[in-house]
Amino acid sequence: MARIDTDLVWDWLSELPDPEIPAISLTDLGIIRDVEWQGDTLVVTVTPTYSGCPATSVIEMEIETALRARGVTALQLRRRIAPAWTTDWITPEGREKLRAYGIAPPIDGTAPDGRIRRLAGGNMAVPCPRCASTATERISQFGSTPCKASWRCTACLEPFDYFKCH
């Protein structure tokens, strides 16, 4: 098989939605860490959002299915858990896709000067993805998936998820 350009593979992977949040791609989420040829084998390295993520097997199956459908015959998927995935790896486009989908993107890594800041508990001002108000409150640390917490906007009264994984 002729080697497919890795930039093209990255493009293909950018079309694959996250199974738990279909509005964001695997590349926007930042879990595809590397795409490279090792000899005649295409190696795709994936870092799950956390080591026990229940969607990891589905994600790997979707990657394999998509690449084999495009003619990749020699494929190896590698799961890398160190360094651990961080919300800082979500692309700016991915953050906007989360917001447009109704999920507040993570606060970390969004300081205007690029500094990574870690905020926790009651000190966080999570903007509502619907009205942008920071008059919000956490309802539960646990949301519809392990990566999200349940929040409510006290301005527009709408509930929303906050993407919380680190």
N, C-alpha and C. Protein backbone atom coordinates (compact mmCIF):
# COMPACT_ATOMS: atom_id res chain seq x y z
N MET A 1 0.83 -1.18 0.00
CA MET A 1 0.00 0.00 0.00
C MET A 1 0.88 1.25 0.00
N ALA A 2 0.53 2.21 -0.82
CA ALA A 2 1.24 3.48 -0.82
C ALA A 2 0.91 4.24 0.47
N ARG A 3 1.91 4.91 0.97
CA ARG A 3 1.70 5.68 2.19
C ARG A 3 0.77 6.85 1.95
N ILE A 4 -0.23 6.96 2.79
CA ILE A 4 -1.15 8.10 2.75
C ILE A 4 -0.51 9.20 3.58
N ASP A 5 -0.57 10.41 3.07
CA ASP A 5 0.00 11.55 3.77
C ASP A 5 -0.66 11.70 5.14
N THR A 6 0.14 11.89 6.18
CA THR A 6 -0.41 11.99 7.54
C THR A 6 -1.31 13.21 7.71
N ASP A 7 -1.07 14.28 6.94
CA ASP A 7 -1.99 15.44 7.02
C ASP A 7 -3.39 15.05 6.57
N LEU A 8 -3.46 14.18 5.56
CA LEU A 8 -4.76 13.70 5.09
C LEU A 8 -5.43 12.84 6.17
N VAL A 9 -4.64 12.02 6.85
CA VAL A 9 -5.18 11.20 7.94
C VAL A 9 -5.73 12.11 9.05
N TRP A 10 -4.99 13.15 9.40
CA TRP A 10 -5.48 14.11 10.40
C TRP A 10 -6.81 14.71 9.96
N ASP A 11 -6.92 15.05 8.66
CA ASP A 11 -8.19 15.58 8.14
C ASP A 11 -9.32 14.57 8.32
N TRP A 12 -9.05 13.32 8.01
CA TRP A 12 -10.07 12.28 8.17
C TRP A 12 -10.49 12.16 9.63
N LEU A 13 -9.50 12.17 10.53
CA LEU A 13 -9.80 12.03 11.95
C LEU A 13 -10.59 13.23 12.48
N SER A 14 -10.39 14.39 11.86
CA SER A 14 -11.13 15.59 12.30
C SER A 14 -12.61 15.50 11.96
N GLU A 15 -12.99 14.53 11.14
CA GLU A 15 -14.40 14.32 10.79
C GLU A 15 -15.11 13.38 11.76
N LEU A 16 -14.36 12.75 12.64
CA LEU A 16 -14.95 11.77 13.56
C LEU A 16 -15.44 12.45 14.83
N PRO A 17 -16.74 12.35 15.12
CA PRO A 17 -17.26 13.00 16.32
C PRO A 17 -16.97 12.18 17.58
N ASP A 18 -16.87 12.89 18.68
CA ASP A 18 -16.79 12.22 19.97
C ASP A 18 -18.13 11.52 20.20
N PRO A 19 -18.13 10.24 20.62
CA PRO A 19 -19.40 9.53 20.78
C PRO A 19 -20.30 10.09 21.89
N GLU A 20 -19.73 10.74 22.88
CA GLU A 20 -20.54 11.29 23.96
C GLU A 20 -20.98 12.73 23.70
N ILE A 21 -20.20 13.46 22.88
CA ILE A 21 -20.53 14.84 22.54
C ILE A 21 -20.32 14.98 21.03
N PRO A 22 -21.31 14.62 20.24
CA PRO A 22 -21.12 14.57 18.79
C PRO A 22 -20.85 15.92 18.12
N ALA A 23 -21.00 17.01 18.83
CA ALA A 23 -20.75 18.32 18.24
C ALA A 23 -19.26 18.62 18.12
N ILE A 24 -18.41 17.83 18.77
CA ILE A 24 -16.98 18.08 18.77
C ILE A 24 -16.24 16.87 18.19
N SER A 25 -15.22 17.13 17.40
CA SER A 25 -14.46 16.04 16.79
C SER A 25 -13.39 15.52 17.75
N LEU A 26 -12.88 14.36 17.44
CA LEU A 26 -11.82 13.77 18.25
C LEU A 26 -10.57 14.64 18.23
N THR A 27 -10.30 15.29 17.10
CA THR A 27 -9.12 16.15 17.04
C THR A 27 -9.36 17.45 17.80
N ASP A 28 -10.59 18.01 17.71
CA ASP A 28 -10.90 19.21 18.50
C ASP A 28 -10.81 18.93 19.99
N LEU A 29 -11.18 17.73 20.38
CA LEU A 29 -11.11 17.33 21.78
C LEU A 29 -9.66 17.17 22.25
N GLY A 30 -8.76 16.95 21.30
CA GLY A 30 -7.34 16.85 21.63
C GLY A 30 -6.90 15.47 22.08
N ILE A 31 -7.70 14.45 21.81
CA ILE A 31 -7.32 13.11 22.25
C ILE A 31 -6.49 12.36 21.22
N ILE A 32 -6.47 12.82 19.98
CA ILE A 32 -5.57 12.23 18.98
C ILE A 32 -4.23 12.91 19.18
N ARG A 33 -3.27 12.17 19.67
CA ARG A 33 -1.99 12.78 20.04
C ARG A 33 -0.95 12.70 18.93
N ASP A 34 -1.04 11.67 18.08
CA ASP A 34 -0.02 11.54 17.05
C ASP A 34 -0.52 10.64 15.93
N VAL A 35 -0.07 10.93 14.74
CA VAL A 35 -0.32 10.10 13.57
C VAL A 35 1.03 10.00 12.85
N GLU A 36 1.53 8.79 12.71
CA GLU A 36 2.83 8.63 12.07
C GLU A 36 2.94 7.26 11.41
N TRP A 37 3.80 7.20 10.43
CA TRP A 37 4.12 5.92 9.80
C TRP A 37 5.33 5.33 10.51
N GLN A 38 5.23 4.06 10.86
CA GLN A 38 6.36 3.30 11.37
C GLN A 38 6.50 2.11 10.42
N GLY A 39 7.46 2.24 9.51
CA GLY A 39 7.58 1.24 8.45
C GLY A 39 6.35 1.34 7.57
N ASP A 40 5.69 0.23 7.35
CA ASP A 40 4.48 0.20 6.53
C ASP A 40 3.19 0.28 7.35
N THR A 41 3.33 0.57 8.63
CA THR A 41 2.17 0.61 9.53
C THR A 41 1.85 2.04 9.94
N LEU A 42 0.58 2.42 9.80
CA LEU A 42 0.13 3.72 10.28
C LEU A 42 -0.19 3.57 11.76
N VAL A 43 0.43 4.39 12.57
CA VAL A 43 0.23 4.34 14.02
C VAL A 43 -0.51 5.61 14.45
N VAL A 44 -1.66 5.42 15.09
CA VAL A 44 -2.45 6.53 15.62
C VAL A 44 -2.45 6.41 17.13
N THR A 45 -1.99 7.45 17.79
CA THR A 45 -1.92 7.45 19.25
C THR A 45 -3.07 8.26 19.83
N VAL A 46 -3.78 7.64 20.78
CA VAL A 46 -4.96 8.24 21.40
C VAL A 46 -4.74 8.33 22.90
N THR A 47 -5.04 9.50 23.46
CA THR A 47 -5.02 9.68 24.91
C THR A 47 -6.46 9.93 25.34
N PRO A 48 -7.07 8.98 26.05
CA PRO A 48 -8.46 9.18 26.50
C PRO A 48 -8.54 10.34 27.49
N THR A 49 -9.73 10.90 27.62
CA THR A 49 -9.91 12.03 28.54
C THR A 49 -9.59 11.64 29.98
N TYR A 50 -9.79 10.41 30.31
CA TYR A 50 -9.28 9.86 31.56
C TYR A 50 -9.16 8.35 31.39
N SER A 51 -8.35 7.70 32.22
CA SER A 51 -8.01 6.30 31.97
C SER A 51 -9.21 5.36 32.00
N GLY A 52 -10.28 5.71 32.68
CA GLY A 52 -11.46 4.85 32.74
C GLY A 52 -12.59 5.30 31.84
N CYS A 53 -12.29 6.15 30.88
CA CYS A 53 -13.35 6.68 30.00
C CYS A 53 -14.09 5.54 29.30
N PRO A 54 -15.41 5.45 29.50
CA PRO A 54 -16.16 4.35 28.91
C PRO A 54 -16.26 4.43 27.39
N ALA A 55 -15.97 5.58 26.82
CA ALA A 55 -16.08 5.75 25.36
C ALA A 55 -14.81 5.37 24.62
N THR A 56 -13.73 5.07 25.32
CA THR A 56 -12.44 4.82 24.66
C THR A 56 -12.52 3.70 23.64
N SER A 57 -13.13 2.59 23.97
CA SER A 57 -13.22 1.46 23.04
C SER A 57 -14.02 1.84 21.80
N VAL A 58 -15.09 2.59 22.00
CA VAL A 58 -15.90 3.04 20.86
C VAL A 58 -15.09 3.98 19.98
N ILE A 59 -14.36 4.89 20.59
CA ILE A 59 -13.52 5.83 19.85
C ILE A 59 -12.51 5.08 19.00
N GLU A 60 -11.83 4.12 19.60
CA GLU A 60 -10.83 3.35 18.85
C GLU A 60 -11.47 2.56 17.72
N MET A 61 -12.65 2.01 17.95
CA MET A 61 -13.35 1.27 16.89
C MET A 61 -13.72 2.21 15.74
N GLU A 62 -14.19 3.41 16.07
CA GLU A 62 -14.56 4.39 15.03
C GLU A 62 -13.34 4.82 14.23
N ILE A 63 -12.21 5.02 14.89
CA ILE A 63 -10.98 5.38 14.18
C ILE A 63 -10.59 4.27 13.23
N GLU A 64 -10.57 3.04 13.73
CA GLU A 64 -10.18 1.91 12.89
C GLU A 64 -11.14 1.75 11.71
N THR A 65 -12.42 1.84 11.94
CA THR A 65 -13.42 1.69 10.87
C THR A 65 -13.23 2.76 9.80
N ALA A 66 -13.06 4.01 10.23
CA ALA A 66 -12.91 5.13 9.29
C ALA A 66 -11.64 4.99 8.45
N LEU A 67 -10.54 4.62 9.08
CA LEU A 67 -9.28 4.54 8.34
C LEU A 67 -9.24 3.32 7.42
N ARG A 68 -9.77 2.22 7.87
CA ARG A 68 -9.81 1.04 6.99
C ARG A 68 -10.72 1.28 5.79
N ALA A 69 -11.82 2.03 5.98
CA ALA A 69 -12.72 2.36 4.88
C ALA A 69 -12.03 3.24 3.84
N ARG A 70 -10.97 3.92 4.26
CA ARG A 70 -10.23 4.79 3.33
C ARG A 70 -8.96 4.12 2.81
N GLY A 71 -8.85 2.82 3.04
CA GLY A 71 -7.76 2.07 2.43
C GLY A 71 -6.55 1.80 3.31
N VAL A 72 -6.59 2.18 4.57
CA VAL A 72 -5.47 1.88 5.46
C VAL A 72 -5.58 0.42 5.87
N THR A 73 -4.61 -0.38 5.49
CA THR A 73 -4.66 -1.81 5.80
C THR A 73 -3.79 -2.17 7.00
N ALA A 74 -2.63 -1.54 7.10
CA ALA A 74 -1.74 -1.81 8.23
C ALA A 74 -1.89 -0.66 9.22
N LEU A 75 -2.60 -0.91 10.30
CA LEU A 75 -2.95 0.12 11.27
C LEU A 75 -2.70 -0.38 12.68
N GLN A 76 -2.13 0.50 13.48
CA GLN A 76 -1.96 0.20 14.91
C GLN A 76 -2.49 1.39 15.70
N LEU A 77 -3.36 1.11 16.65
CA LEU A 77 -3.85 2.14 17.56
C LEU A 77 -3.11 1.98 18.88
N ARG A 78 -2.55 3.09 19.35
CA ARG A 78 -1.84 3.08 20.63
C ARG A 78 -2.60 3.95 21.61
N ARG A 79 -2.77 3.44 22.80
CA ARG A 79 -3.40 4.21 23.86
C ARG A 79 -2.30 4.73 24.76
N ARG A 80 -2.20 6.05 24.87
CA ARG A 80 -1.17 6.67 25.72
C ARG A 80 -1.89 7.39 26.86
N ILE A 81 -1.54 7.02 28.09
CA ILE A 81 -2.19 7.65 29.24
C ILE A 81 -1.26 8.62 29.97
N ALA A 82 -0.01 8.71 29.53
CA ALA A 82 0.92 9.68 30.13
C ALA A 82 1.65 10.40 29.00
N PRO A 83 1.64 11.71 28.99
CA PRO A 83 0.98 12.54 30.00
C PRO A 83 -0.53 12.43 29.90
N ALA A 84 -1.16 12.64 31.02
CA ALA A 84 -2.62 12.55 31.07
C ALA A 84 -3.24 13.67 30.24
N TRP A 85 -4.38 13.35 29.62
CA TRP A 85 -5.11 14.35 28.84
C TRP A 85 -5.52 15.49 29.75
N THR A 86 -5.57 16.67 29.20
CA THR A 86 -5.99 17.86 29.93
C THR A 86 -6.94 18.66 29.05
N THR A 87 -7.84 19.40 29.67
CA THR A 87 -8.75 20.24 28.90
C THR A 87 -8.01 21.32 28.12
N ASP A 88 -6.76 21.57 28.49
CA ASP A 88 -5.95 22.53 27.73
C ASP A 88 -5.74 22.07 26.29
N TRP A 89 -5.90 20.78 26.02
CA TRP A 89 -5.70 20.24 24.68
C TRP A 89 -6.91 20.45 23.77
N ILE A 90 -8.04 20.89 24.32
CA ILE A 90 -9.19 21.17 23.48
C ILE A 90 -8.88 22.41 22.65
N THR A 91 -9.09 22.32 21.35
CA THR A 91 -8.78 23.44 20.47
C THR A 91 -9.75 24.61 20.72
N PRO A 92 -9.34 25.82 20.34
CA PRO A 92 -10.28 26.95 20.44
C PRO A 92 -11.57 26.69 19.65
N GLU A 93 -11.45 26.05 18.48
CA GLU A 93 -12.63 25.70 17.70
C GLU A 93 -13.51 24.71 18.46
N GLY A 94 -12.88 23.76 19.13
CA GLY A 94 -13.61 22.77 19.92
C GLY A 94 -14.35 23.42 21.07
N ARG A 95 -13.73 24.40 21.72
CA ARG A 95 -14.38 25.12 22.82
C ARG A 95 -15.63 25.85 22.31
N GLU A 96 -15.50 26.46 21.14
CA GLU A 96 -16.65 27.16 20.57
C GLU A 96 -17.75 26.18 20.16
N LYS A 97 -17.38 25.02 19.64
CA LYS A 97 -18.36 24.00 19.28
C LYS A 97 -19.11 23.52 20.52
N LEU A 98 -18.39 23.34 21.64
CA LEU A 98 -19.05 22.94 22.88
C LEU A 98 -20.07 24.00 23.30
N ARG A 99 -19.63 25.26 23.28
CA ARG A 99 -20.51 26.37 23.68
C ARG A 99 -21.76 26.41 22.80
N ALA A 100 -21.57 26.31 21.49
CA ALA A 100 -22.70 26.36 20.56
C ALA A 100 -23.65 25.18 20.77
N TYR A 101 -23.12 24.07 21.25
CA TYR A 101 -23.92 22.87 21.50
C TYR A 101 -24.67 22.96 22.83
N GLY A 102 -24.34 23.97 23.64
CA GLY A 102 -25.00 24.15 24.93
C GLY A 102 -24.23 23.63 26.12
N ILE A 103 -22.95 23.32 25.91
CA ILE A 103 -22.08 22.86 27.00
C ILE A 103 -21.04 23.94 27.27
N ALA A 104 -20.94 24.36 28.52
CA ALA A 104 -19.93 25.35 28.87
C ALA A 104 -18.55 24.71 28.75
N PRO A 105 -17.67 25.29 27.95
CA PRO A 105 -16.33 24.72 27.82
C PRO A 105 -15.54 24.93 29.11
N PRO A 106 -14.49 24.13 29.29
CA PRO A 106 -13.71 24.25 30.52
C PRO A 106 -13.06 25.62 30.66
N ILE A 107 -12.96 26.06 31.88
CA ILE A 107 -12.34 27.35 32.19
C ILE A 107 -10.83 27.29 31.95
N ASP A 108 -10.19 26.19 32.32
CA ASP A 108 -8.73 26.07 32.25
C ASP A 108 -8.20 26.39 30.87
N GLY A 109 -7.08 27.08 30.85
CA GLY A 109 -6.40 27.34 29.60
C GLY A 109 -7.04 28.43 28.77
N THR A 110 -7.99 29.17 29.31
CA THR A 110 -8.69 30.15 28.51
C THR A 110 -8.36 31.59 28.91
N ALA A 111 -7.35 31.76 29.75
CA ALA A 111 -6.96 33.11 30.11
C ALA A 111 -6.49 33.85 28.86
N PRO A 112 -6.86 35.14 28.71
CA PRO A 112 -6.52 35.88 27.49
C PRO A 112 -5.02 35.90 27.18
N ASP A 113 -4.17 35.90 28.20
CA ASP A 113 -2.74 35.95 27.95
C ASP A 113 -2.13 34.56 27.77
N GLY A 114 -2.97 33.51 27.70
CA GLY A 114 -2.49 32.16 27.45
C GLY A 114 -2.07 31.40 28.69
N ARG A 115 -2.05 32.08 29.86
CA ARG A 115 -1.70 31.37 31.09
C ARG A 115 -2.71 30.28 31.37
N ILE A 116 -2.24 29.18 31.87
CA ILE A 116 -3.15 28.12 32.30
C ILE A 116 -3.52 28.41 33.74
N ARG A 117 -4.80 28.45 33.99
CA ARG A 117 -5.24 28.71 35.35
C ARG A 117 -6.12 27.56 35.81
N ARG A 118 -6.00 27.22 37.05
CA ARG A 118 -6.78 26.13 37.62
C ARG A 118 -7.70 26.73 38.68
N LEU A 119 -8.98 26.63 38.43
CA LEU A 119 -9.97 27.13 39.36
C LEU A 119 -10.82 25.98 39.83
N ALA A 120 -11.24 26.02 41.06
CA ALA A 120 -12.03 24.90 41.59
C ALA A 120 -13.16 25.40 42.47
N GLY A 121 -14.14 24.53 42.61
CA GLY A 121 -15.23 24.77 43.55
C GLY A 121 -15.98 26.05 43.32
N GLY A 122 -16.30 26.74 44.42
CA GLY A 122 -17.12 27.94 44.36
C GLY A 122 -16.43 29.14 43.76
N ASN A 123 -15.11 29.08 43.51
CA ASN A 123 -14.40 30.21 42.94
C ASN A 123 -14.58 30.32 41.43
N MET A 124 -15.17 29.32 40.80
CA MET A 124 -15.30 29.34 39.35
C MET A 124 -16.50 30.17 38.94
N ALA A 125 -16.30 31.00 37.94
CA ALA A 125 -17.40 31.73 37.31
C ALA A 125 -17.58 31.11 35.94
N VAL A 126 -18.48 30.15 35.84
CA VAL A 126 -18.70 29.43 34.59
C VAL A 126 -19.77 30.17 33.80
N PRO A 127 -19.40 30.72 32.64
CA PRO A 127 -20.40 31.44 31.83
C PRO A 127 -21.45 30.49 31.26
N CYS A 128 -22.69 30.92 31.28
CA CYS A 128 -23.78 30.15 30.69
C CYS A 128 -23.56 30.08 29.18
N PRO A 129 -23.62 28.90 28.59
CA PRO A 129 -23.41 28.80 27.15
C PRO A 129 -24.57 29.38 26.33
N ARG A 130 -25.68 29.68 26.98
CA ARG A 130 -26.84 30.22 26.26
C ARG A 130 -26.88 31.75 26.29
N CYS A 131 -26.68 32.33 27.49
CA CYS A 131 -26.81 33.79 27.60
C CYS A 131 -25.50 34.48 28.00
N ALA A 132 -24.45 33.73 28.29
CA ALA A 132 -23.11 34.22 28.65
C ALA A 132 -23.02 34.83 30.04
N SER A 133 -24.09 34.80 30.81
CA SER A 133 -24.05 35.32 32.18
C SER A 133 -23.13 34.43 33.02
N THR A 134 -22.42 35.07 33.96
CA THR A 134 -21.64 34.30 34.92
C THR A 134 -22.39 34.14 36.24
N ALA A 135 -23.65 34.51 36.25
CA ALA A 135 -24.51 34.27 37.42
C ALA A 135 -25.00 32.83 37.31
N THR A 136 -24.10 31.90 37.62
CA THR A 136 -24.39 30.48 37.49
C THR A 136 -24.04 29.77 38.78
N GLU A 137 -24.60 28.57 38.93
CA GLU A 137 -24.32 27.78 40.12
C GLU A 137 -24.23 26.30 39.75
N ARG A 138 -23.35 25.62 40.45
CA ARG A 138 -23.22 24.18 40.23
C ARG A 138 -24.34 23.47 40.96
N ILE A 139 -25.03 22.60 40.24
CA ILE A 139 -26.10 21.79 40.83
C ILE A 139 -25.52 20.48 41.33
N SER A 140 -24.65 19.88 40.52
CA SER A 140 -24.05 18.59 40.88
C SER A 140 -22.70 18.46 40.19
N GLN A 141 -21.76 17.86 40.89
CA GLN A 141 -20.45 17.59 40.30
C GLN A 141 -20.55 16.53 39.20
N PHE A 142 -21.67 15.84 39.14
CA PHE A 142 -21.87 14.76 38.18
C PHE A 142 -22.95 15.13 37.20
N GLY A 143 -22.63 15.01 35.89
CA GLY A 143 -23.58 15.36 34.85
C GLY A 143 -23.98 14.15 34.03
N SER A 144 -24.34 14.40 32.78
CA SER A 144 -24.85 13.34 31.90
C SER A 144 -23.76 12.35 31.48
N THR A 145 -22.51 12.74 31.56
CA THR A 145 -21.37 11.83 31.34
C THR A 145 -20.34 12.14 32.42
N PRO A 146 -19.36 11.26 32.62
CA PRO A 146 -18.36 11.51 33.66
C PRO A 146 -17.54 12.78 33.43
N CYS A 147 -17.50 13.29 32.21
CA CYS A 147 -16.71 14.48 31.90
C CYS A 147 -17.46 15.79 32.14
N LYS A 148 -18.69 15.70 32.59
CA LYS A 148 -19.49 16.91 32.73
C LYS A 148 -20.10 17.02 34.12
N ALA A 149 -20.31 18.26 34.54
CA ALA A 149 -21.02 18.57 35.78
C ALA A 149 -22.30 19.33 35.41
N SER A 150 -23.30 19.25 36.27
CA SER A 150 -24.57 19.95 36.02
C SER A 150 -24.54 21.33 36.66
N TRP A 151 -24.86 22.33 35.86
CA TRP A 151 -24.91 23.72 36.32
C TRP A 151 -26.25 24.33 35.93
N ARG A 152 -26.56 25.48 36.53
CA ARG A 152 -27.77 26.22 36.20
C ARG A 152 -27.42 27.70 36.15
N CYS A 153 -28.02 28.38 35.20
CA CYS A 153 -27.86 29.82 35.08
C CYS A 153 -28.97 30.48 35.89
N THR A 154 -28.60 31.37 36.81
CA THR A 154 -29.63 32.05 37.59
C THR A 154 -30.17 33.29 36.87
N ALA A 155 -29.56 33.64 35.73
CA ALA A 155 -30.06 34.76 34.94
C ALA A 155 -31.14 34.31 33.97
N CYS A 156 -30.85 33.29 33.16
CA CYS A 156 -31.85 32.82 32.18
C CYS A 156 -32.60 31.58 32.66
N LEU A 157 -32.19 31.04 33.82
CA LEU A 157 -32.82 29.90 34.48
C LEU A 157 -32.67 28.58 33.73
N GLU A 158 -31.76 28.52 32.77
CA GLU A 158 -31.55 27.30 32.00
C GLU A 158 -30.48 26.42 32.66
N PRO A 159 -30.74 25.12 32.71
CA PRO A 159 -29.69 24.19 33.16
C PRO A 159 -28.72 23.96 32.00
N PHE A 160 -27.48 23.61 32.32
CA PHE A 160 -26.49 23.29 31.30
C PHE A 160 -25.41 22.39 31.89
N ASP A 161 -24.67 21.75 31.00
CA ASP A 161 -23.52 20.96 31.41
C ASP A 161 -22.27 21.81 31.32
N TYR A 162 -21.33 21.54 32.22
CA TYR A 162 -20.00 22.17 32.19
C TYR A 162 -19.00 21.04 31.96
N PHE A 163 -18.15 21.18 30.96
CA PHE A 163 -17.14 20.18 30.65
C PHE A 163 -16.01 20.32 31.66
N LYS A 164 -15.82 19.32 32.53
CA LYS A 164 -14.97 19.48 33.69
C LYS A 164 -13.67 18.70 33.71
N CYS A 165 -13.48 17.74 32.83
CA CYS A 165 -12.30 16.88 32.94
C CYS A 165 -11.00 17.66 32.91
N HIS A 166 -10.04 17.15 33.61
CA HIS A 166 -8.70 17.73 33.61
C HIS A 166 -7.75 16.67 33.22
